[in-house]
């Protein structure tokens, strides 16, 4: 379940708003989305995976943790790393930060 949007890390790109299949987030004037319908979260990790700056944390259990204070900083963006998308992207970058991974040549 979506637990946290880290405002200092958010760049206001609205990727999370766009990819969420259940419309959990609301856009705000500040640009930092708010978790408006947490109970609608399907724990699909789409928002966390597509967040270009690792500003979101989705807990793998489908029930609220209770407090964002119990979420350790190193958990934020961990799903992106686990699926091989790197530790995050620089704002405006199209690829993950880190060493380039060679792509297979099509034959």
PDB file of N, CA and C in Angstrom:
ATOM      1  N   UNK A   1       0.851  -1.173   0.000  1.00  0.00           N
ATOM      2  CA  UNK A   1       0.000   0.000   0.000  1.00  0.00           C
ATOM      3  C   UNK A   1       0.896   1.235   0.000  1.00  0.00           C
ATOM      4  N   UNK A   2       0.502   2.245  -0.755  1.00  0.00           N
ATOM      5  CA  UNK A   2       1.272   3.492  -0.802  1.00  0.00           C
ATOM      6  C   UNK A   2       1.307   4.096   0.598  1.00  0.00           C
ATOM      7  N   UNK A   3       2.498   4.433   1.049  1.00  0.00           N
ATOM      8  CA  UNK A   3       2.670   4.952   2.400  1.00  0.00           C
ATOM      9  C   UNK A   3       3.202   6.367   2.446  1.00  0.00           C
ATOM     10  N   UNK A   4       4.009   6.739   1.439  1.00  0.00           N
ATOM     11  CA  UNK A   4       4.729   7.996   1.587  1.00  0.00           C
ATOM     12  C   UNK A   4       5.029   8.636   0.248  1.00  0.00           C
ATOM     13  N   UNK A   5       4.839   9.951   0.185  1.00  0.00           N
ATOM     14  CA  UNK A   5       5.355  10.786  -0.894  1.00  0.00           C
ATOM     15  C   UNK A   5       6.340  11.729  -0.221  1.00  0.00           C
ATOM     16  N   UNK A   6       7.609  11.611  -0.567  1.00  0.00           N
ATOM     17  CA  UNK A   6       8.640  12.445   0.038  1.00  0.00           C
ATOM     18  C   UNK A   6       8.686  13.790  -0.692  1.00  0.00           C
ATOM     19  N   UNK A   7       8.108  14.809  -0.097  1.00  0.00           N
ATOM     20  CA  UNK A   7       8.028  16.131  -0.725  1.00  0.00           C
ATOM     21  C   UNK A   7       9.393  16.703  -1.107  1.00  0.00           C
ATOM     22  N   UNK A   8      10.433  16.559  -0.272  1.00  0.00           N
ATOM     23  CA  UNK A   8      11.737  17.116  -0.669  1.00  0.00           C
ATOM     24  C   UNK A   8      12.330  16.443  -1.920  1.00  0.00           C
ATOM     25  N   UNK A   9      11.966  15.185  -2.166  1.00  0.00           N
ATOM     26  CA  UNK A   9      12.507  14.463  -3.317  1.00  0.00           C
ATOM     27  C   UNK A   9      11.630  14.588  -4.565  1.00  0.00           C
ATOM     28  N   UNK A  10      10.380  14.940  -4.390  1.00  0.00           N
ATOM     29  CA  UNK A  10       9.430  15.014  -5.507  1.00  0.00           C
ATOM     30  C   UNK A  10       9.744  16.206  -6.414  1.00  0.00           C
ATOM     31  N   UNK A  11       9.704  15.978  -7.728  1.00  0.00           N
ATOM     32  CA  UNK A  11       9.939  17.056  -8.688  1.00  0.00           C
ATOM     33  C   UNK A  11       8.641  17.507  -9.365  1.00  0.00           C
ATOM     34  N   UNK A  12       7.505  16.979  -8.906  1.00  0.00           N
ATOM     35  CA  UNK A  12       6.216  17.411  -9.425  1.00  0.00           C
ATOM     36  C   UNK A  12       5.951  16.987 -10.857  1.00  0.00           C
ATOM     37  N   UNK A  13       6.469  15.838 -11.273  1.00  0.00           N
ATOM     38  CA  UNK A  13       6.302  15.381 -12.666  1.00  0.00           C
ATOM     39  C   UNK A  13       4.951  14.711 -12.911  1.00  0.00           C
ATOM     40  N   UNK A  14       4.265  14.330 -11.854  1.00  0.00           N
ATOM     41  CA  UNK A  14       2.951  13.672 -11.916  1.00  0.00           C
ATOM     42  C   UNK A  14       2.974  12.293 -12.558  1.00  0.00           C
ATOM     43  N   UNK A  15       4.143  11.654 -12.661  1.00  0.00           N
ATOM     44  CA  UNK A  15       4.203  10.284 -13.194  1.00  0.00           C
ATOM     45  C   UNK A  15       3.360   9.346 -12.336  1.00  0.00           C
ATOM     46  N   UNK A  16       3.426   9.501 -11.025  1.00  0.00           N
ATOM     47  CA  UNK A  16       2.665   8.626 -10.135  1.00  0.00           C
ATOM     48  C   UNK A  16       1.162   8.783 -10.364  1.00  0.00           C
ATOM     49  N   UNK A  17       0.741  10.014 -10.563  1.00  0.00           N
ATOM     50  CA  UNK A  17      -0.677  10.292 -10.816  1.00  0.00           C
ATOM     51  C   UNK A  17      -1.114   9.630 -12.128  1.00  0.00           C
ATOM     52  N   UNK A  18      -0.251   9.716 -13.138  1.00  0.00           N
ATOM     53  CA  UNK A  18      -0.575   9.179 -14.464  1.00  0.00           C
ATOM     54  C   UNK A  18      -0.612   7.660 -14.500  1.00  0.00           C
ATOM     55  N   UNK A  19       0.290   6.984 -13.782  1.00  0.00           N
ATOM     56  CA  UNK A  19       0.376   5.523 -13.891  1.00  0.00           C
ATOM     57  C   UNK A  19      -0.504   4.772 -12.902  1.00  0.00           C
ATOM     58  N   UNK A  20      -1.015   5.431 -11.898  1.00  0.00           N
ATOM     59  CA  UNK A  20      -1.822   4.744 -10.875  1.00  0.00           C
ATOM     60  C   UNK A  20      -3.140   4.250 -11.474  1.00  0.00           C
ATOM     61  N   UNK A  21      -3.355   2.929 -11.457  1.00  0.00           N
ATOM     62  CA  UNK A  21      -4.582   2.392 -12.059  1.00  0.00           C
ATOM     63  C   UNK A  21      -5.847   2.649 -11.248  1.00  0.00           C
ATOM     64  N   UNK A  22      -5.697   3.039  -9.983  1.00  0.00           N
ATOM     65  CA  UNK A  22      -6.881   3.245  -9.144  1.00  0.00           C
ATOM     66  C   UNK A  22      -7.038   4.683  -8.670  1.00  0.00           C
ATOM     67  N   UNK A  23      -6.291   5.623  -9.279  1.00  0.00           N
ATOM     68  CA  UNK A  23      -6.463   7.049  -8.997  1.00  0.00           C
ATOM     69  C   UNK A  23      -6.297   7.376  -7.516  1.00  0.00           C
ATOM     70  N   UNK A  24      -5.215   6.898  -6.923  1.00  0.00           N
ATOM     71  CA  UNK A  24      -4.945   7.099  -5.499  1.00  0.00           C
ATOM     72  C   UNK A  24      -4.515   8.532  -5.191  1.00  0.00           C
ATOM     73  N   UNK A  25      -3.814   9.175  -6.128  1.00  0.00           N
ATOM     74  CA  UNK A  25      -3.219  10.494  -5.886  1.00  0.00           C
ATOM     75  C   UNK A  25      -4.077  11.631  -6.405  1.00  0.00           C
ATOM     76  N   UNK A  26      -3.930  12.783  -5.767  1.00  0.00           N
ATOM     77  CA  UNK A  26      -4.493  14.035  -6.268  1.00  0.00           C
ATOM     78  C   UNK A  26      -3.339  14.987  -6.548  1.00  0.00           C
ATOM     79  N   UNK A  27      -3.454  15.723  -7.637  1.00  0.00           N
ATOM     80  CA  UNK A  27      -2.479  16.774  -7.944  1.00  0.00           C
ATOM     81  C   UNK A  27      -2.713  17.944  -6.990  1.00  0.00           C
ATOM     82  N   UNK A  28      -1.652  18.707  -6.735  1.00  0.00           N
ATOM     83  CA  UNK A  28      -1.777  19.880  -5.872  1.00  0.00           C
ATOM     84  C   UNK A  28      -1.121  21.082  -6.548  1.00  0.00           C
ATOM     85  N   UNK A  29      -1.410  22.248  -6.061  1.00  0.00           N
ATOM     86  CA  UNK A  29      -0.816  23.472  -6.598  1.00  0.00           C
ATOM     87  C   UNK A  29       0.699  23.457  -6.415  1.00  0.00           C
ATOM     88  N   UNK A  30       1.170  22.877  -5.315  1.00  0.00           N
ATOM     89  CA  UNK A  30       2.611  22.830  -5.047  1.00  0.00           C
ATOM     90  C   UNK A  30       3.352  21.906  -6.011  1.00  0.00           C
ATOM     91  N   UNK A  31       2.622  21.010  -6.679  1.00  0.00           N
ATOM     92  CA  UNK A  31       3.240  20.045  -7.576  1.00  0.00           C
ATOM     93  C   UNK A  31       3.481  18.697  -6.926  1.00  0.00           C
ATOM     94  N   UNK A  32       3.508  18.657  -5.601  1.00  0.00           N
ATOM     95  CA  UNK A  32       3.711  17.400  -4.880  1.00  0.00           C
ATOM     96  C   UNK A  32       2.350  16.725  -4.710  1.00  0.00           C
ATOM     97  N   UNK A  33       2.145  15.559  -5.310  1.00  0.00           N
ATOM     98  CA  UNK A  33       0.850  14.902  -5.187  1.00  0.00           C
ATOM     99  C   UNK A  33       0.585  14.437  -3.754  1.00  0.00           C
ATOM    100  N   UNK A  34      -0.677  14.330  -3.417  1.00  0.00           N
ATOM    101  CA  UNK A  34      -1.056  13.820  -2.101  1.00  0.00           C
ATOM    102  C   UNK A  34      -1.730  12.463  -2.266  1.00  0.00           C
ATOM    103  N   UNK A  35      -1.568  11.630  -1.255  1.00  0.00           N
ATOM    104  CA  UNK A  35      -2.237  10.334  -1.233  1.00  0.00           C
ATOM    105  C   UNK A  35      -3.659  10.595  -0.748  1.00  0.00           C
ATOM    106  N   UNK A  36      -4.590  10.655  -1.681  1.00  0.00           N
ATOM    107  CA  UNK A  36      -5.967  11.046  -1.354  1.00  0.00           C
ATOM    108  C   UNK A  36      -6.871   9.850  -1.068  1.00  0.00           C
ATOM    109  N   UNK A  37      -6.572   8.714  -1.668  1.00  0.00           N
ATOM    110  CA  UNK A  37      -7.414   7.529  -1.508  1.00  0.00           C
ATOM    111  C   UNK A  37      -6.544   6.300  -1.256  1.00  0.00           C
ATOM    112  N   UNK A  38      -5.857   6.309  -0.122  1.00  0.00           N
ATOM    113  CA  UNK A  38      -4.910   5.240   0.205  1.00  0.00           C
ATOM    114  C   UNK A  38      -5.577   3.867   0.203  1.00  0.00           C
ATOM    115  N   UNK A  39      -6.802   3.786   0.657  1.00  0.00           N
ATOM    116  CA  UNK A  39      -7.484   2.488   0.715  1.00  0.00           C
ATOM    117  C   UNK A  39      -7.761   1.909  -0.671  1.00  0.00           C
ATOM    118  N   UNK A  40      -7.687   2.731  -1.713  1.00  0.00           N
ATOM    119  CA  UNK A  40      -7.872   2.237  -3.082  1.00  0.00           C
ATOM    120  C   UNK A  40      -6.594   1.648  -3.677  1.00  0.00           C
ATOM    121  N   UNK A  41      -5.465   1.818  -2.991  1.00  0.00           N
ATOM    122  CA  UNK A  41      -4.180   1.332  -3.502  1.00  0.00           C
ATOM    123  C   UNK A  41      -4.216  -0.190  -3.620  1.00  0.00           C
ATOM    124  N   UNK A  42      -3.768  -0.695  -4.780  1.00  0.00           N
ATOM    125  CA  UNK A  42      -3.733  -2.140  -5.039  1.00  0.00           C
ATOM    126  C   UNK A  42      -2.349  -2.728  -4.795  1.00  0.00           C
ATOM    127  N   UNK A  43      -1.421  -1.918  -4.289  1.00  0.00           N
ATOM    128  CA  UNK A  43      -0.052  -2.348  -4.031  1.00  0.00           C
ATOM    129  C   UNK A  43       0.579  -2.922  -5.300  1.00  0.00           C
ATOM    130  N   UNK A  44       0.394  -2.228  -6.410  1.00  0.00           N
ATOM    131  CA  UNK A  44       0.941  -2.687  -7.695  1.00  0.00           C
ATOM    132  C   UNK A  44       2.352  -2.168  -7.924  1.00  0.00           C
ATOM    133  N   UNK A  45       2.792  -1.196  -7.122  1.00  0.00           N
ATOM    134  CA  UNK A  45       4.136  -0.607  -7.184  1.00  0.00           C
ATOM    135  C   UNK A  45       4.384   0.228  -8.439  1.00  0.00           C
ATOM    136  N   UNK A  46       3.377   0.473  -9.254  1.00  0.00           N
ATOM    137  CA  UNK A  46       3.579   1.256 -10.477  1.00  0.00           C
ATOM    138  C   UNK A  46       4.086   2.657 -10.155  1.00  0.00           C
ATOM    139  N   UNK A  47       3.499   3.299  -9.170  1.00  0.00           N
ATOM    140  CA  UNK A  47       3.920   4.665  -8.833  1.00  0.00           C
ATOM    141  C   UNK A  47       5.377   4.683  -8.394  1.00  0.00           C
ATOM    142  N   UNK A  48       5.759   3.753  -7.542  1.00  0.00           N
ATOM    143  CA  UNK A  48       7.141   3.717  -7.058  1.00  0.00           C
ATOM    144  C   UNK A  48       8.105   3.378  -8.192  1.00  0.00           C
ATOM    145  N   UNK A  49       7.716   2.470  -9.059  1.00  0.00           N
ATOM    146  CA  UNK A  49       8.587   2.078 -10.170  1.00  0.00           C
ATOM    147  C   UNK A  49       8.805   3.225 -11.151  1.00  0.00           C
ATOM    148  N   UNK A  50       7.777   4.007 -11.424  1.00  0.00           N
ATOM    149  CA  UNK A  50       7.886   5.080 -12.410  1.00  0.00           C
ATOM    150  C   UNK A  50       8.347   6.417 -11.838  1.00  0.00           C
ATOM    151  N   UNK A  51       8.455   6.536 -10.526  1.00  0.00           N
ATOM    152  CA  UNK A  51       8.903   7.795  -9.931  1.00  0.00           C
ATOM    153  C   UNK A  51      10.360   8.048 -10.309  1.00  0.00           C
ATOM    154  N   UNK A  52      10.640   9.118 -11.041  1.00  0.00           N
ATOM    155  CA  UNK A  52      12.004   9.349 -11.518  1.00  0.00           C
ATOM    156  C   UNK A  52      13.004   9.734 -10.439  1.00  0.00           C
ATOM    157  N   UNK A  53      12.527  10.106  -9.254  1.00  0.00           N
ATOM    158  CA  UNK A  53      13.458  10.531  -8.203  1.00  0.00           C
ATOM    159  C   UNK A  53      13.333   9.689  -6.932  1.00  0.00           C
ATOM    160  N   UNK A  54      12.697   8.543  -7.005  1.00  0.00           N
ATOM    161  CA  UNK A  54      12.525   7.668  -5.836  1.00  0.00           C
ATOM    162  C   UNK A  54      11.901   8.404  -4.653  1.00  0.00           C
ATOM    163  N   UNK A  55      10.842   9.139  -4.918  1.00  0.00           N
ATOM    164  CA  UNK A  55      10.189   9.931  -3.876  1.00  0.00           C
ATOM    165  C   UNK A  55       8.998   9.222  -3.244  1.00  0.00           C
ATOM    166  N   UNK A  56       8.739   7.971  -3.636  1.00  0.00           N
ATOM    167  CA  UNK A  56       7.574   7.253  -3.128  1.00  0.00           C
ATOM    168  C   UNK A  56       7.976   5.979  -2.421  1.00  0.00           C
ATOM    169  N   UNK A  57       7.133   5.563  -1.481  1.00  0.00           N
ATOM    170  CA  UNK A  57       7.337   4.269  -0.832  1.00  0.00           C
ATOM    171  C   UNK A  57       6.010   3.536  -0.795  1.00  0.00           C
ATOM    172  N   UNK A  58       6.017   2.340  -1.362  1.00  0.00           N
ATOM    173  CA  UNK A  58       4.861   1.443  -1.315  1.00  0.00           C
ATOM    174  C   UNK A  58       5.250   0.272  -0.432  1.00  0.00           C
ATOM    175  N   UNK A  59       4.476   0.035   0.610  1.00  0.00           N
ATOM    176  CA  UNK A  59       4.747  -1.097   1.495  1.00  0.00           C
ATOM    177  C   UNK A  59       4.188  -2.361   0.845  1.00  0.00           C
ATOM    178  N   UNK A  60       4.940  -3.471   0.883  1.00  0.00           N
ATOM    179  CA  UNK A  60       4.487  -4.680   0.190  1.00  0.00           C
ATOM    180  C   UNK A  60       3.207  -5.292   0.745  1.00  0.00           C
ATOM    181  N   UNK A  61       2.834  -4.962   1.964  1.00  0.00           N
ATOM    182  CA  UNK A  61       1.571  -5.461   2.494  1.00  0.00           C
ATOM    183  C   UNK A  61       0.459  -4.518   2.089  1.00  0.00           C
ATOM    184  N   UNK A  62      -0.717  -5.040   1.918  1.00  0.00           N
ATOM    185  CA  UNK A  62      -1.820  -4.218   1.433  1.00  0.00           C
ATOM    186  C   UNK A  62      -2.622  -3.582   2.565  1.00  0.00           C
ATOM    187  N   UNK A  63      -1.982  -3.309   3.679  1.00  0.00           N
ATOM    188  CA  UNK A  63      -2.614  -2.591   4.788  1.00  0.00           C
ATOM    189  C   UNK A  63      -1.665  -1.485   5.228  1.00  0.00           C
ATOM    190  N   UNK A  64      -2.188  -0.351   5.661  1.00  0.00           N
ATOM    191  CA  UNK A  64      -1.317   0.756   6.060  1.00  0.00           C
ATOM    192  C   UNK A  64      -0.359   0.363   7.175  1.00  0.00           C
ATOM    193  N   UNK A  65       0.874   0.867   7.080  1.00  0.00           N
ATOM    194  CA  UNK A  65       1.874   0.636   8.117  1.00  0.00           C
ATOM    195  C   UNK A  65       1.466   1.370   9.385  1.00  0.00           C
ATOM    196  N   UNK A  66       0.868   2.516   9.236  1.00  0.00           N
ATOM    197  CA  UNK A  66       0.402   3.272  10.389  1.00  0.00           C
ATOM    198  C   UNK A  66       1.009   4.645  10.476  1.00  0.00           C
ATOM    199  N   UNK A  67       2.308   4.733  10.295  1.00  0.00           N
ATOM    200  CA  UNK A  67       2.967   6.026  10.379  1.00  0.00           C
ATOM    201  C   UNK A  67       4.148   6.065   9.437  1.00  0.00           C
ATOM    202  N   UNK A  68       4.264   7.152   8.699  1.00  0.00           N
ATOM    203  CA  UNK A  68       5.402   7.322   7.794  1.00  0.00           C
ATOM    204  C   UNK A  68       6.704   7.414   8.573  1.00  0.00           C
ATOM    205  N   UNK A  69       6.629   7.701   9.879  1.00  0.00           N
ATOM    206  CA  UNK A  69       7.830   7.806  10.701  1.00  0.00           C
ATOM    207  C   UNK A  69       8.564   6.477  10.836  1.00  0.00           C
ATOM    208  N   UNK A  70       7.861   5.351  10.679  1.00  0.00           N
ATOM    209  CA  UNK A  70       8.500   4.042  10.834  1.00  0.00           C
ATOM    210  C   UNK A  70       9.200   3.593   9.561  1.00  0.00           C
ATOM    211  N   UNK A  71       9.047   4.334   8.472  1.00  0.00           N
ATOM    212  CA  UNK A  71       9.667   3.978   7.200  1.00  0.00           C
ATOM    213  C   UNK A  71      11.086   4.512   7.181  1.00  0.00           C
ATOM    214  N   UNK A  72      12.036   3.608   7.069  1.00  0.00           N
ATOM    215  CA  UNK A  72      13.428   4.023   7.008  1.00  0.00           C
ATOM    216  C   UNK A  72      13.723   4.603   5.636  1.00  0.00           C
ATOM    217  N   UNK A  73      14.595   5.585   5.600  1.00  0.00           N
ATOM    218  CA  UNK A  73      14.930   6.290   4.358  1.00  0.00           C
ATOM    219  C   UNK A  73      15.424   5.333   3.264  1.00  0.00           C
ATOM    220  N   UNK A  74      16.162   4.289   3.634  1.00  0.00           N
ATOM    221  CA  UNK A  74      16.700   3.391   2.620  1.00  0.00           C
ATOM    222  C   UNK A  74      15.653   2.495   1.976  1.00  0.00           C
ATOM    223  N   UNK A  75      14.433   2.481   2.505  1.00  0.00           N
ATOM    224  CA  UNK A  75      13.358   1.714   1.882  1.00  0.00           C
ATOM    225  C   UNK A  75      12.746   2.454   0.689  1.00  0.00           C
ATOM    226  N   UNK A  76      12.849   3.769   0.679  1.00  0.00           N
ATOM    227  CA  UNK A  76      12.246   4.557  -0.379  1.00  0.00           C
ATOM    228  C   UNK A  76      12.981   4.301  -1.687  1.00  0.00           C
ATOM    229  N   UNK A  77      12.235   3.932  -2.717  1.00  0.00           N
ATOM    230  CA  UNK A  77      12.819   3.663  -4.025  1.00  0.00           C
ATOM    231  C   UNK A  77      13.440   2.289  -4.155  1.00  0.00           C
ATOM    232  N   UNK A  78      13.323   1.458  -3.159  1.00  0.00           N
ATOM    233  CA  UNK A  78      13.946   0.134  -3.201  1.00  0.00           C
ATOM    234  C   UNK A  78      13.330  -0.763  -4.265  1.00  0.00           C
ATOM    235  N   UNK A  79      12.046  -0.629  -4.529  1.00  0.00           N
ATOM    236  CA  UNK A  79      11.392  -1.471  -5.537  1.00  0.00           C
ATOM    237  C   UNK A  79      11.999  -1.232  -6.915  1.00  0.00           C
ATOM    238  N   UNK A  80      12.264   0.006  -7.248  1.00  0.00           N
ATOM    239  CA  UNK A  80      12.867   0.362  -8.535  1.00  0.00           C
ATOM    240  C   UNK A  80      14.205  -0.351  -8.697  1.00  0.00           C
ATOM    241  N   UNK A  81      14.996  -0.363  -7.646  1.00  0.00           N
ATOM    242  CA  UNK A  81      16.292  -1.025  -7.692  1.00  0.00           C
ATOM    243  C   UNK A  81      16.131  -2.537  -7.846  1.00  0.00           C
ATOM    244  N   UNK A  82      15.164  -3.112  -7.151  1.00  0.00           N
ATOM    245  CA  UNK A  82      14.936  -4.567  -7.207  1.00  0.00           C
ATOM    246  C   UNK A  82      14.504  -5.035  -8.595  1.00  0.00           C
ATOM    247  N   UNK A  83      13.776  -4.207  -9.332  1.00  0.00           N
ATOM    248  CA  UNK A  83      13.353  -4.617 -10.669  1.00  0.00           C
ATOM    249  C   UNK A  83      14.386  -4.264 -11.729  1.00  0.00           C
ATOM    250  N   UNK A  84      15.530  -3.732 -11.292  1.00  0.00           N
ATOM    251  CA  UNK A  84      16.621  -3.464 -12.206  1.00  0.00           C
ATOM    252  C   UNK A  84      16.562  -2.118 -12.893  1.00  0.00           C
ATOM    253  N   UNK A  85      15.789  -1.187 -12.358  1.00  0.00           N
ATOM    254  CA  UNK A  85      15.682   0.130 -12.969  1.00  0.00           C
ATOM    255  C   UNK A  85      16.674   1.104 -12.359  1.00  0.00           C
ATOM    256  N   UNK A  86      17.613   0.615 -11.573  1.00  0.00           N
ATOM    257  CA  UNK A  86      18.612   1.483 -10.970  1.00  0.00           C
ATOM    258  C   UNK A  86      18.131   2.108  -9.686  1.00  0.00           C
ATOM    259  N   UNK A  87      18.960   2.939  -9.126  1.00  0.00           N
ATOM    260  CA  UNK A  87      18.639   3.583  -7.857  1.00  0.00           C
ATOM    261  C   UNK A  87      17.836   4.859  -8.056  1.00  0.00           C
ATOM    262  N   UNK A  88      17.552   5.213  -9.283  1.00  0.00           N
ATOM    263  CA  UNK A  88      16.756   6.411  -9.532  1.00  0.00           C
ATOM    264  C   UNK A  88      17.241   7.113 -10.768  1.00  0.00           C
ATOM    265  N   UNK A  89      16.588   8.175 -11.118  1.00  0.00           N
ATOM    266  CA  UNK A  89      16.969   8.967 -12.277  1.00  0.00           C
ATOM    267  C   UNK A  89      17.227  10.387 -11.856  1.00  0.00           C
ATOM    268  N   UNK A  90      18.089  11.018 -12.590  1.00  0.00           N
ATOM    269  CA  UNK A  90      18.278  12.443 -12.392  1.00  0.00           C
ATOM    270  C   UNK A  90      17.058  13.141 -12.987  1.00  0.00           C
ATOM    271  N   UNK A  91      16.604  14.252 -12.419  1.00  0.00           N
ATOM    272  CA  UNK A  91      15.474  14.959 -13.001  1.00  0.00           C
ATOM    273  C   UNK A  91      15.721  15.265 -14.481  1.00  0.00           C
ATOM    274  N   UNK A  92      14.784  14.878 -15.323  1.00  0.00           N
ATOM    275  CA  UNK A  92      14.881  15.115 -16.755  1.00  0.00           C
ATOM    276  C   UNK A  92      15.592  14.022 -17.530  1.00  0.00           C
ATOM    277  N   UNK A  93      16.192  13.054 -16.840  1.00  0.00           N
ATOM    278  CA  UNK A  93      16.904  11.976 -17.526  1.00  0.00           C
ATOM    279  C   UNK A  93      15.926  10.895 -17.974  1.00  0.00           C
ATOM    280  N   UNK A  94      16.276  10.208 -19.030  1.00  0.00           N
ATOM    281  CA  UNK A  94      15.428   9.132 -19.526  1.00  0.00           C
ATOM    282  C   UNK A  94      15.866   7.772 -19.027  1.00  0.00           C
ATOM    283  N   UNK A  95      17.057   7.679 -18.465  1.00  0.00           N
ATOM    284  CA  UNK A  95      17.565   6.400 -17.998  1.00  0.00           C
ATOM    285  C   UNK A  95      18.004   6.487 -16.556  1.00  0.00           C
ATOM    286  N   UNK A  96      18.132   5.339 -15.931  1.00  0.00           N
ATOM    287  CA  UNK A  96      18.547   5.277 -14.541  1.00  0.00           C
ATOM    288  C   UNK A  96      19.998   5.712 -14.393  1.00  0.00           C
ATOM    289  N   UNK A  97      20.320   6.212 -13.212  1.00  0.00           N
ATOM    290  CA  UNK A  97      21.683   6.616 -12.899  1.00  0.00           C
ATOM    291  C   UNK A  97      22.505   5.347 -12.682  1.00  0.00           C
ATOM    292  N   UNK A  98      23.727   5.343 -13.148  1.00  0.00           N
ATOM    293  CA  UNK A  98      24.594   4.195 -12.917  1.00  0.00           C
ATOM    294  C   UNK A  98      25.225   3.725 -14.199  1.00  0.00           C
ATOM    295  N   UNK A  99      25.936   2.603 -14.131  1.00  0.00           N
ATOM    296  CA  UNK A  99      26.622   2.116 -15.323  1.00  0.00           C
ATOM    297  C   UNK A  99      25.635   1.720 -16.418  1.00  0.00           C
ATOM    298  N   UNK A 100      26.032   1.979 -17.632  1.00  0.00           N
ATOM    299  CA  UNK A 100      25.206   1.593 -18.765  1.00  0.00           C
ATOM    300  C   UNK A 100      25.179   0.085 -18.888  1.00  0.00           C
ATOM    301  N   UNK A 101      24.018  -0.460 -19.156  1.00  0.00           N
ATOM    302  CA  UNK A 101      23.864  -1.903 -19.358  1.00  0.00           C
ATOM    303  C   UNK A 101      23.779  -2.131 -20.846  1.00  0.00           C
ATOM    304  N   UNK A 102      24.693  -2.949 -21.410  1.00  0.00           N
ATOM    305  CA  UNK A 102      24.643  -3.178 -22.856  1.00  0.00           C
ATOM    306  C   UNK A 102      23.364  -3.890 -23.252  1.00  0.00           C
ATOM    307  N   UNK A 103      22.772  -3.441 -24.330  1.00  0.00           N
ATOM    308  CA  UNK A 103      21.558  -4.066 -24.849  1.00  0.00           C
ATOM    309  C   UNK A 103      21.959  -5.105 -25.883  1.00  0.00           C
ATOM    310  N   UNK A 104      21.241  -6.216 -25.924  1.00  0.00           N
ATOM    311  CA  UNK A 104      21.563  -7.229 -26.924  1.00  0.00           C
ATOM    312  C   UNK A 104      21.323  -6.694 -28.336  1.00  0.00           C
ATOM    313  N   UNK A 105      22.135  -7.109 -29.243  1.00  0.00           N
ATOM    314  CA  UNK A 105      21.995  -6.696 -30.628  1.00  0.00           C
ATOM    315  C   UNK A 105      20.966  -7.595 -31.299  1.00  0.00           C
ATOM    316  N   UNK A 106      20.002  -6.980 -31.938  1.00  0.00           N
ATOM    317  CA  UNK A 106      18.938  -7.739 -32.625  1.00  0.00           C
ATOM    318  C   UNK A 106      19.536  -8.422 -33.844  1.00  0.00           C
ATOM    319  N   UNK A 107      19.180  -9.670 -34.045  1.00  0.00           N
ATOM    320  CA  UNK A 107      19.678 -10.408 -35.199  1.00  0.00           C
ATOM    321  C   UNK A 107      18.589 -10.741 -36.159  1.00  0.00           C
TER     322      UNK A 107
END
